[in-house]
Amino acid sequence: GRYAEGLVELERAREAATDDPALHYTLGWCYEFVAYRITRRPRSGGGLEPADLYRKAEASLRRCLELRPEGKLKDDAEDLLSTIIKEDVK
């Protein structure tokens, strides 16, 4: 339930490795996970807003794909990005 703290640490890692597609994927996955959890249990968010988290997840996944990952990482990033975009349309 300490989502904000975990996301801050991942953002620090991203700043240290801006060209690592796996890190951008992980950050996107975590943003999506936290957004989803907060929408199901609003009191668990500690002030985090799901819409903001979904936007950050989308941006992280797009950056991952810009870095041209291969194999399963690419497939997983595309799948998760597609899911986020579909949710945003609803």
PDB file of N, CA and C in Angstrom:
ATOM      1  N   GLY A   1       0.780  -1.197   0.000  1.00  0.00           N
ATOM      2  CA  GLY A   1       0.000   0.000   0.000  1.00  0.00           C
ATOM      3  C   GLY A   1       0.830   1.274   0.000  1.00  0.00           C
ATOM      4  N   ARG A   2       2.135   1.162  -0.067  1.00  0.00           N
ATOM      5  CA  ARG A   2       2.987   2.359  -0.088  1.00  0.00           C
ATOM      6  C   ARG A   2       3.351   2.684  -1.543  1.00  0.00           C
ATOM      7  N   TYR A   3       2.312   2.862  -2.327  1.00  0.00           N
ATOM      8  CA  TYR A   3       2.480   3.033  -3.766  1.00  0.00           C
ATOM      9  C   TYR A   3       3.323   4.247  -4.131  1.00  0.00           C
ATOM     10  N   ALA A   4       3.028   5.376  -3.515  1.00  0.00           N
ATOM     11  CA  ALA A   4       3.737   6.615  -3.874  1.00  0.00           C
ATOM     12  C   ALA A   4       5.236   6.451  -3.672  1.00  0.00           C
ATOM     13  N   GLU A   5       5.637   5.831  -2.582  1.00  0.00           N
ATOM     14  CA  GLU A   5       7.063   5.636  -2.303  1.00  0.00           C
ATOM     15  C   GLU A   5       7.718   4.750  -3.362  1.00  0.00           C
ATOM     16  N   GLY A   6       7.038   3.688  -3.724  1.00  0.00           N
ATOM     17  CA  GLY A   6       7.579   2.789  -4.740  1.00  0.00           C
ATOM     18  C   GLY A   6       7.720   3.457  -6.093  1.00  0.00           C
ATOM     19  N   LEU A   7       6.727   4.256  -6.458  1.00  0.00           N
ATOM     20  CA  LEU A   7       6.781   4.950  -7.742  1.00  0.00           C
ATOM     21  C   LEU A   7       7.901   5.987  -7.763  1.00  0.00           C
ATOM     22  N   VAL A   8       8.140   6.634  -6.641  1.00  0.00           N
ATOM     23  CA  VAL A   8       9.243   7.601  -6.562  1.00  0.00           C
ATOM     24  C   VAL A   8      10.571   6.893  -6.809  1.00  0.00           C
ATOM     25  N   GLU A   9      10.745   5.727  -6.229  1.00  0.00           N
ATOM     26  CA  GLU A   9      11.992   4.981  -6.416  1.00  0.00           C
ATOM     27  C   GLU A   9      12.160   4.542  -7.876  1.00  0.00           C
ATOM     28  N   LEU A  10      11.085   4.116  -8.501  1.00  0.00           N
ATOM     29  CA  LEU A  10      11.169   3.733  -9.911  1.00  0.00           C
ATOM     30  C   LEU A  10      11.479   4.935 -10.794  1.00  0.00           C
ATOM     31  N   GLU A  11      10.940   6.089 -10.454  1.00  0.00           N
ATOM     32  CA  GLU A  11      11.252   7.306 -11.212  1.00  0.00           C
ATOM     33  C   GLU A  11      12.739   7.654 -11.081  1.00  0.00           C
ATOM     34  N   ARG A  12      13.286   7.454  -9.902  1.00  0.00           N
ATOM     35  CA  ARG A  12      14.728   7.672  -9.722  1.00  0.00           C
ATOM     36  C   ARG A  12      15.536   6.740 -10.608  1.00  0.00           C
ATOM     37  N   ALA A  13      15.127   5.492 -10.657  1.00  0.00           N
ATOM     38  CA  ALA A  13      15.823   4.527 -11.508  1.00  0.00           C
ATOM     39  C   ALA A  13      15.719   4.927 -12.969  1.00  0.00           C
ATOM     40  N   ARG A  14      14.550   5.418 -13.377  1.00  0.00           N
ATOM     41  CA  ARG A  14      14.358   5.856 -14.765  1.00  0.00           C
ATOM     42  C   ARG A  14      15.301   7.004 -15.105  1.00  0.00           C
ATOM     43  N   GLU A  15      15.462   7.915 -14.174  1.00  0.00           N
ATOM     44  CA  GLU A  15      16.361   9.046 -14.407  1.00  0.00           C
ATOM     45  C   GLU A  15      17.802   8.592 -14.576  1.00  0.00           C
ATOM     46  N   ALA A  16      18.153   7.499 -13.945  1.00  0.00           N
ATOM     47  CA  ALA A  16      19.520   6.985 -14.029  1.00  0.00           C
ATOM     48  C   ALA A  16      19.749   6.132 -15.275  1.00  0.00           C
ATOM     49  N   ALA A  17      18.665   5.617 -15.858  1.00  0.00           N
ATOM     50  CA  ALA A  17      18.790   4.738 -17.027  1.00  0.00           C
ATOM     51  C   ALA A  17      17.715   5.088 -18.047  1.00  0.00           C
ATOM     52  N   THR A  18      17.825   6.274 -18.632  1.00  0.00           N
ATOM     53  CA  THR A  18      16.765   6.775 -19.508  1.00  0.00           C
ATOM     54  C   THR A  18      16.583   5.974 -20.788  1.00  0.00           C
ATOM     55  N   ASP A  19      17.572   5.195 -21.176  1.00  0.00           N
ATOM     56  CA  ASP A  19      17.480   4.439 -22.429  1.00  0.00           C
ATOM     57  C   ASP A  19      17.271   2.942 -22.215  1.00  0.00           C
ATOM     58  N   ASP A  20      16.772   2.562 -21.078  1.00  0.00           N
ATOM     59  CA  ASP A  20      16.533   1.150 -20.763  1.00  0.00           C
ATOM     60  C   ASP A  20      15.059   0.820 -20.984  1.00  0.00           C
ATOM     61  N   PRO A  21      14.721   0.113 -22.070  1.00  0.00           N
ATOM     62  CA  PRO A  21      13.313  -0.162 -22.339  1.00  0.00           C
ATOM     63  C   PRO A  21      12.652  -0.998 -21.253  1.00  0.00           C
ATOM     64  N   ALA A  22      13.393  -1.906 -20.629  1.00  0.00           N
ATOM     65  CA  ALA A  22      12.806  -2.741 -19.575  1.00  0.00           C
ATOM     66  C   ALA A  22      12.391  -1.897 -18.373  1.00  0.00           C
ATOM     67  N   LEU A  23      13.176  -0.889 -18.066  1.00  0.00           N
ATOM     68  CA  LEU A  23      12.839  -0.016 -16.950  1.00  0.00           C
ATOM     69  C   LEU A  23      11.588   0.800 -17.272  1.00  0.00           C
ATOM     70  N   HIS A  24      11.481   1.289 -18.493  1.00  0.00           N
ATOM     71  CA  HIS A  24      10.287   2.044 -18.883  1.00  0.00           C
ATOM     72  C   HIS A  24       9.055   1.139 -18.883  1.00  0.00           C
ATOM     73  N   TYR A  25       9.222  -0.097 -19.307  1.00  0.00           N
ATOM     74  CA  TYR A  25       8.103  -1.048 -19.252  1.00  0.00           C
ATOM     75  C   TYR A  25       7.677  -1.270 -17.805  1.00  0.00           C
ATOM     76  N   THR A  26       8.641  -1.520 -16.937  1.00  0.00           N
ATOM     77  CA  THR A  26       8.342  -1.772 -15.531  1.00  0.00           C
ATOM     78  C   THR A  26       7.638  -0.591 -14.896  1.00  0.00           C
ATOM     79  N   LEU A  27       8.104   0.599 -15.183  1.00  0.00           N
ATOM     80  CA  LEU A  27       7.474   1.795 -14.648  1.00  0.00           C
ATOM     81  C   LEU A  27       6.040   1.915 -15.166  1.00  0.00           C
ATOM     82  N   GLY A  28       5.844   1.688 -16.460  1.00  0.00           N
ATOM     83  CA  GLY A  28       4.491   1.730 -17.025  1.00  0.00           C
ATOM     84  C   GLY A  28       3.578   0.698 -16.400  1.00  0.00           C
ATOM     85  N   TRP A  29       4.107  -0.516 -16.222  1.00  0.00           N
ATOM     86  CA  TRP A  29       3.315  -1.583 -15.606  1.00  0.00           C
ATOM     87  C   TRP A  29       2.935  -1.197 -14.188  1.00  0.00           C
ATOM     88  N   CYS A  30       3.866  -0.652 -13.436  1.00  0.00           N
ATOM     89  CA  CYS A  30       3.592  -0.275 -12.046  1.00  0.00           C
ATOM     90  C   CYS A  30       2.585   0.871 -11.967  1.00  0.00           C
ATOM     91  N   TYR A  31       2.719   1.868 -12.839  1.00  0.00           N
ATOM     92  CA  TYR A  31       1.737   2.947 -12.855  1.00  0.00           C
ATOM     93  C   TYR A  31       0.342   2.399 -13.148  1.00  0.00           C
ATOM     94  N   GLU A  32       0.250   1.510 -14.113  1.00  0.00           N
ATOM     95  CA  GLU A  32      -1.048   0.920 -14.457  1.00  0.00           C
ATOM     96  C   GLU A  32      -1.593   0.111 -13.286  1.00  0.00           C
ATOM     97  N   PHE A  33      -0.751  -0.674 -12.654  1.00  0.00           N
ATOM     98  CA  PHE A  33      -1.162  -1.505 -11.530  1.00  0.00           C
ATOM     99  C   PHE A  33      -1.712  -0.641 -10.397  1.00  0.00           C
ATOM    100  N   VAL A  34      -0.990   0.405 -10.038  1.00  0.00           N
ATOM    101  CA  VAL A  34      -1.421   1.276  -8.946  1.00  0.00           C
ATOM    102  C   VAL A  34      -2.726   1.978  -9.315  1.00  0.00           C
ATOM    103  N   ALA A  35      -2.842   2.466 -10.533  1.00  0.00           N
ATOM    104  CA  ALA A  35      -4.083   3.118 -10.966  1.00  0.00           C
ATOM    105  C   ALA A  35      -5.262   2.161 -10.853  1.00  0.00           C
ATOM    106  N   TYR A  36      -5.067   0.946 -11.301  1.00  0.00           N
ATOM    107  CA  TYR A  36      -6.132  -0.061 -11.241  1.00  0.00           C
ATOM    108  C   TYR A  36      -6.524  -0.332  -9.793  1.00  0.00           C
ATOM    109  N   ARG A  37      -5.531  -0.529  -8.920  1.00  0.00           N
ATOM    110  CA  ARG A  37      -5.810  -0.827  -7.510  1.00  0.00           C
ATOM    111  C   ARG A  37      -6.559   0.324  -6.841  1.00  0.00           C
ATOM    112  N   ILE A  38      -6.153   1.541  -7.145  1.00  0.00           N
ATOM    113  CA  ILE A  38      -6.803   2.693  -6.521  1.00  0.00           C
ATOM    114  C   ILE A  38      -8.247   2.816  -6.979  1.00  0.00           C
ATOM    115  N   THR A  39      -8.524   2.499  -8.235  1.00  0.00           N
ATOM    116  CA  THR A  39      -9.912   2.586  -8.695  1.00  0.00           C
ATOM    117  C   THR A  39     -10.778   1.542  -7.998  1.00  0.00           C
ATOM    118  N   ARG A  40     -10.184   0.454  -7.548  1.00  0.00           N
ATOM    119  CA  ARG A  40     -10.932  -0.592  -6.857  1.00  0.00           C
ATOM    120  C   ARG A  40     -11.017  -0.332  -5.352  1.00  0.00           C
ATOM    121  N   ARG A  41     -10.014   0.355  -4.805  1.00  0.00           N
ATOM    122  CA  ARG A  41      -9.964   0.678  -3.373  1.00  0.00           C
ATOM    123  C   ARG A  41      -9.496   2.123  -3.221  1.00  0.00           C
ATOM    124  N   PRO A  42     -10.394   3.078  -3.414  1.00  0.00           N
ATOM    125  CA  PRO A  42      -9.998   4.485  -3.442  1.00  0.00           C
ATOM    126  C   PRO A  42      -9.207   4.969  -2.219  1.00  0.00           C
ATOM    127  N   ARG A  43      -9.465   4.423  -1.066  1.00  0.00           N
ATOM    128  CA  ARG A  43      -8.757   4.886   0.132  1.00  0.00           C
ATOM    129  C   ARG A  43      -7.306   4.430   0.161  1.00  0.00           C
ATOM    130  N   SER A  44      -6.918   3.530  -0.717  1.00  0.00           N
ATOM    131  CA  SER A  44      -5.548   3.004  -0.708  1.00  0.00           C
ATOM    132  C   SER A  44      -4.576   3.887  -1.493  1.00  0.00           C
ATOM    133  N   GLY A  45      -5.074   4.933  -2.135  1.00  0.00           N
ATOM    134  CA  GLY A  45      -4.250   5.710  -3.042  1.00  0.00           C
ATOM    135  C   GLY A  45      -3.348   6.741  -2.426  1.00  0.00           C
ATOM    136  N   GLY A  46      -3.610   7.156  -1.218  1.00  0.00           N
ATOM    137  CA  GLY A  46      -2.768   8.140  -0.581  1.00  0.00           C
ATOM    138  C   GLY A  46      -2.622   9.429  -1.381  1.00  0.00           C
ATOM    139  N   GLY A  47      -3.695   9.864  -2.024  1.00  0.00           N
ATOM    140  CA  GLY A  47      -3.647  11.109  -2.784  1.00  0.00           C
ATOM    141  C   GLY A  47      -3.285  10.950  -4.248  1.00  0.00           C
ATOM    142  N   LEU A  48      -2.954   9.750  -4.675  1.00  0.00           N
ATOM    143  CA  LEU A  48      -2.636   9.513  -6.085  1.00  0.00           C
ATOM    144  C   LEU A  48      -3.930   9.467  -6.897  1.00  0.00           C
ATOM    145  N   GLU A  49      -3.890  10.007  -8.092  1.00  0.00           N
ATOM    146  CA  GLU A  49      -5.059  10.055  -8.969  1.00  0.00           C
ATOM    147  C   GLU A  49      -4.919   9.023 -10.089  1.00  0.00           C
ATOM    148  N   PRO A  50      -5.881   8.104 -10.205  1.00  0.00           N
ATOM    149  CA  PRO A  50      -5.784   7.077 -11.254  1.00  0.00           C
ATOM    150  C   PRO A  50      -5.594   7.644 -12.661  1.00  0.00           C
ATOM    151  N   ALA A  51      -6.297   8.712 -13.018  1.00  0.00           N
ATOM    152  CA  ALA A  51      -6.167   9.265 -14.370  1.00  0.00           C
ATOM    153  C   ALA A  51      -4.735   9.722 -14.642  1.00  0.00           C
ATOM    154  N   ASP A  52      -4.118  10.349 -13.660  1.00  0.00           N
ATOM    155  CA  ASP A  52      -2.724  10.778 -13.812  1.00  0.00           C
ATOM    156  C   ASP A  52      -1.797   9.573 -13.949  1.00  0.00           C
ATOM    157  N   LEU A  53      -2.065   8.548 -13.154  1.00  0.00           N
ATOM    158  CA  LEU A  53      -1.234   7.343 -13.204  1.00  0.00           C
ATOM    159  C   LEU A  53      -1.364   6.630 -14.545  1.00  0.00           C
ATOM    160  N   TYR A  54      -2.575   6.578 -15.078  1.00  0.00           N
ATOM    161  CA  TYR A  54      -2.757   5.952 -16.397  1.00  0.00           C
ATOM    162  C   TYR A  54      -2.021   6.739 -17.480  1.00  0.00           C
ATOM    163  N   ARG A  55      -2.040   8.070 -17.395  1.00  0.00           N
ATOM    164  CA  ARG A  55      -1.300   8.881 -18.372  1.00  0.00           C
ATOM    165  C   ARG A  55       0.202   8.608 -18.272  1.00  0.00           C
ATOM    166  N   LYS A  56       0.701   8.501 -17.064  1.00  0.00           N
ATOM    167  CA  LYS A  56       2.123   8.209 -16.874  1.00  0.00           C
ATOM    168  C   LYS A  56       2.459   6.804 -17.357  1.00  0.00           C
ATOM    169  N   ALA A  57       1.558   5.876 -17.127  1.00  0.00           N
ATOM    170  CA  ALA A  57       1.769   4.508 -17.613  1.00  0.00           C
ATOM    171  C   ALA A  57       1.862   4.503 -19.133  1.00  0.00           C
ATOM    172  N   GLU A  58       0.953   5.204 -19.778  1.00  0.00           N
ATOM    173  CA  GLU A  58       0.965   5.284 -21.233  1.00  0.00           C
ATOM    174  C   GLU A  58       2.265   5.901 -21.740  1.00  0.00           C
ATOM    175  N   ALA A  59       2.689   6.978 -21.128  1.00  0.00           N
ATOM    176  CA  ALA A  59       3.932   7.641 -21.556  1.00  0.00           C
ATOM    177  C   ALA A  59       5.137   6.719 -21.376  1.00  0.00           C
ATOM    178  N   SER A  60       5.190   6.006 -20.274  1.00  0.00           N
ATOM    179  CA  SER A  60       6.315   5.098 -20.026  1.00  0.00           C
ATOM    180  C   SER A  60       6.340   3.951 -21.030  1.00  0.00           C
ATOM    181  N   LEU A  61       5.175   3.415 -21.336  1.00  0.00           N
ATOM    182  CA  LEU A  61       5.110   2.314 -22.302  1.00  0.00           C
ATOM    183  C   LEU A  61       5.448   2.795 -23.709  1.00  0.00           C
ATOM    184  N   ARG A  62       5.006   3.990 -24.056  1.00  0.00           N
ATOM    185  CA  ARG A  62       5.367   4.539 -25.367  1.00  0.00           C
ATOM    186  C   ARG A  62       6.882   4.742 -25.466  1.00  0.00           C
ATOM    187  N   ARG A  63       7.491   5.220 -24.385  1.00  0.00           N
ATOM    188  CA  ARG A  63       8.952   5.391 -24.380  1.00  0.00           C
ATOM    189  C   ARG A  63       9.645   4.045 -24.501  1.00  0.00           C
ATOM    190  N   CYS A  64       9.137   3.052 -23.820  1.00  0.00           N
ATOM    191  CA  CYS A  64       9.688   1.703 -23.943  1.00  0.00           C
ATOM    192  C   CYS A  64       9.702   1.274 -25.402  1.00  0.00           C
ATOM    193  N   LEU A  65       8.594   1.462 -26.083  1.00  0.00           N
ATOM    194  CA  LEU A  65       8.501   1.034 -27.478  1.00  0.00           C
ATOM    195  C   LEU A  65       9.363   1.884 -28.400  1.00  0.00           C
ATOM    196  N   GLU A  66       9.533   3.161 -28.080  1.00  0.00           N
ATOM    197  CA  GLU A  66      10.430   4.013 -28.870  1.00  0.00           C
ATOM    198  C   GLU A  66      11.870   3.487 -28.835  1.00  0.00           C
ATOM    199  N   LEU A  67      12.214   2.840 -27.745  1.00  0.00           N
ATOM    200  CA  LEU A  67      13.575   2.309 -27.585  1.00  0.00           C
ATOM    201  C   LEU A  67      13.768   0.956 -28.275  1.00  0.00           C
ATOM    202  N   ARG A  68      12.746   0.508 -28.971  1.00  0.00           N
ATOM    203  CA  ARG A  68      12.779  -0.693 -29.802  1.00  0.00           C
ATOM    204  C   ARG A  68      13.192  -1.966 -29.059  1.00  0.00           C
ATOM    205  N   PRO A  69      12.412  -2.330 -28.035  1.00  0.00           N
ATOM    206  CA  PRO A  69      12.694  -3.594 -27.365  1.00  0.00           C
ATOM    207  C   PRO A  69      12.349  -4.748 -28.295  1.00  0.00           C
ATOM    208  N   GLU A  70      12.838  -5.908 -27.964  1.00  0.00           N
ATOM    209  CA  GLU A  70      12.572  -7.076 -28.800  1.00  0.00           C
ATOM    210  C   GLU A  70      11.809  -8.130 -28.018  1.00  0.00           C
ATOM    211  N   GLY A  71      11.230  -9.063 -28.765  1.00  0.00           N
ATOM    212  CA  GLY A  71      10.626 -10.239 -28.173  1.00  0.00           C
ATOM    213  C   GLY A  71       9.467  -9.958 -27.247  1.00  0.00           C
ATOM    214  N   LYS A  72       9.462 -10.696 -26.142  1.00  0.00           N
ATOM    215  CA  LYS A  72       8.360 -10.643 -25.189  1.00  0.00           C
ATOM    216  C   LYS A  72       8.183  -9.255 -24.584  1.00  0.00           C
ATOM    217  N   LEU A  73       9.268  -8.555 -24.347  1.00  0.00           N
ATOM    218  CA  LEU A  73       9.156  -7.207 -23.782  1.00  0.00           C
ATOM    219  C   LEU A  73       8.358  -6.303 -24.716  1.00  0.00           C
ATOM    220  N   LYS A  74       8.646  -6.365 -25.987  1.00  0.00           N
ATOM    221  CA  LYS A  74       7.913  -5.565 -26.972  1.00  0.00           C
ATOM    222  C   LYS A  74       6.442  -5.962 -26.984  1.00  0.00           C
ATOM    223  N   ASP A  75       6.189  -7.257 -27.040  1.00  0.00           N
ATOM    224  CA  ASP A  75       4.807  -7.751 -27.073  1.00  0.00           C
ATOM    225  C   ASP A  75       4.037  -7.332 -25.823  1.00  0.00           C
ATOM    226  N   ASP A  76       4.662  -7.490 -24.670  1.00  0.00           N
ATOM    227  CA  ASP A  76       3.993  -7.128 -23.422  1.00  0.00           C
ATOM    228  C   ASP A  76       3.723  -5.632 -23.353  1.00  0.00           C
ATOM    229  N   ALA A  77       4.673  -4.815 -23.780  1.00  0.00           N
ATOM    230  CA  ALA A  77       4.479  -3.363 -23.761  1.00  0.00           C
ATOM    231  C   ALA A  77       3.335  -2.967 -24.692  1.00  0.00           C
ATOM    232  N   GLU A  78       3.292  -3.553 -25.870  1.00  0.00           N
ATOM    233  CA  GLU A  78       2.206  -3.255 -26.813  1.00  0.00           C
ATOM    234  C   GLU A  78       0.857  -3.676 -26.251  1.00  0.00           C
ATOM    235  N   ASP A  79       0.802  -4.856 -25.638  1.00  0.00           N
ATOM    236  CA  ASP A  79      -0.453  -5.348 -25.064  1.00  0.00           C
ATOM    237  C   ASP A  79      -0.951  -4.441 -23.947  1.00  0.00           C
ATOM    238  N   LEU A  80      -0.062  -4.073 -23.043  1.00  0.00           N
ATOM    239  CA  LEU A  80      -0.470  -3.233 -21.923  1.00  0.00           C
ATOM    240  C   LEU A  80      -0.866  -1.838 -22.404  1.00  0.00           C
ATOM    241  N   LEU A  81      -0.130  -1.290 -23.348  1.00  0.00           N
ATOM    242  CA  LEU A  81      -0.471   0.010 -23.907  1.00  0.00           C
ATOM    243  C   LEU A  81      -1.851  -0.042 -24.563  1.00  0.00           C
ATOM    244  N   SER A  82      -2.116  -1.094 -25.288  1.00  0.00           N
ATOM    245  CA  SER A  82      -3.414  -1.264 -25.931  1.00  0.00           C
ATOM    246  C   SER A  82      -4.541  -1.306 -24.896  1.00  0.00           C
ATOM    247  N   THR A  83      -4.314  -1.985 -23.798  1.00  0.00           N
ATOM    248  CA  THR A  83      -5.310  -2.070 -22.730  1.00  0.00           C
ATOM    249  C   THR A  83      -5.570  -0.698 -22.120  1.00  0.00           C
ATOM    250  N   ILE A  84      -4.516   0.044 -21.875  1.00  0.00           N
ATOM    251  CA  ILE A  84      -4.664   1.380 -21.282  1.00  0.00           C
ATOM    252  C   ILE A  84      -5.425   2.301 -22.227  1.00  0.00           C
ATOM    253  N   ILE A  85      -5.092   2.251 -23.502  1.00  0.00           N
ATOM    254  CA  ILE A  85      -5.769   3.110 -24.474  1.00  0.00           C
ATOM    255  C   ILE A  85      -7.251   2.750 -24.574  1.00  0.00           C
ATOM    256  N   LYS A  86      -7.574   1.470 -24.550  1.00  0.00           N
ATOM    257  CA  LYS A  86      -8.984   1.048 -24.589  1.00  0.00           C
ATOM    258  C   LYS A  86      -9.726   1.562 -23.368  1.00  0.00           C
ATOM    259  N   GLU A  87      -9.109   1.483 -22.196  1.00  0.00           N
ATOM    260  CA  GLU A  87      -9.739   1.985 -20.966  1.00  0.00           C
ATOM    261  C   GLU A  87      -9.950   3.492 -21.031  1.00  0.00           C
ATOM    262  N   ASP A  88      -9.021   4.188 -21.651  1.00  0.00           N
ATOM    263  CA  ASP A  88      -9.106   5.643 -21.746  1.00  0.00           C
ATOM    264  C   ASP A  88     -10.266   6.066 -22.637  1.00  0.00           C
ATOM    265  N   VAL A  89     -10.589   5.243 -23.622  1.00  0.00           N
ATOM    266  CA  VAL A  89     -11.667   5.550 -24.553  1.00  0.00           C
ATOM    267  C   VAL A  89     -13.027   5.399 -23.889  1.00  0.00           C
ATOM    268  N   LYS A  90     -13.127   4.527 -22.908  1.00  0.00           N
ATOM    269  CA  LYS A  90     -14.433   4.263 -22.253  1.00  0.00           C
ATOM    270  C   LYS A  90     -14.963   5.453 -21.519  1.00  0.00           C
TER     271      LYS A  90
END
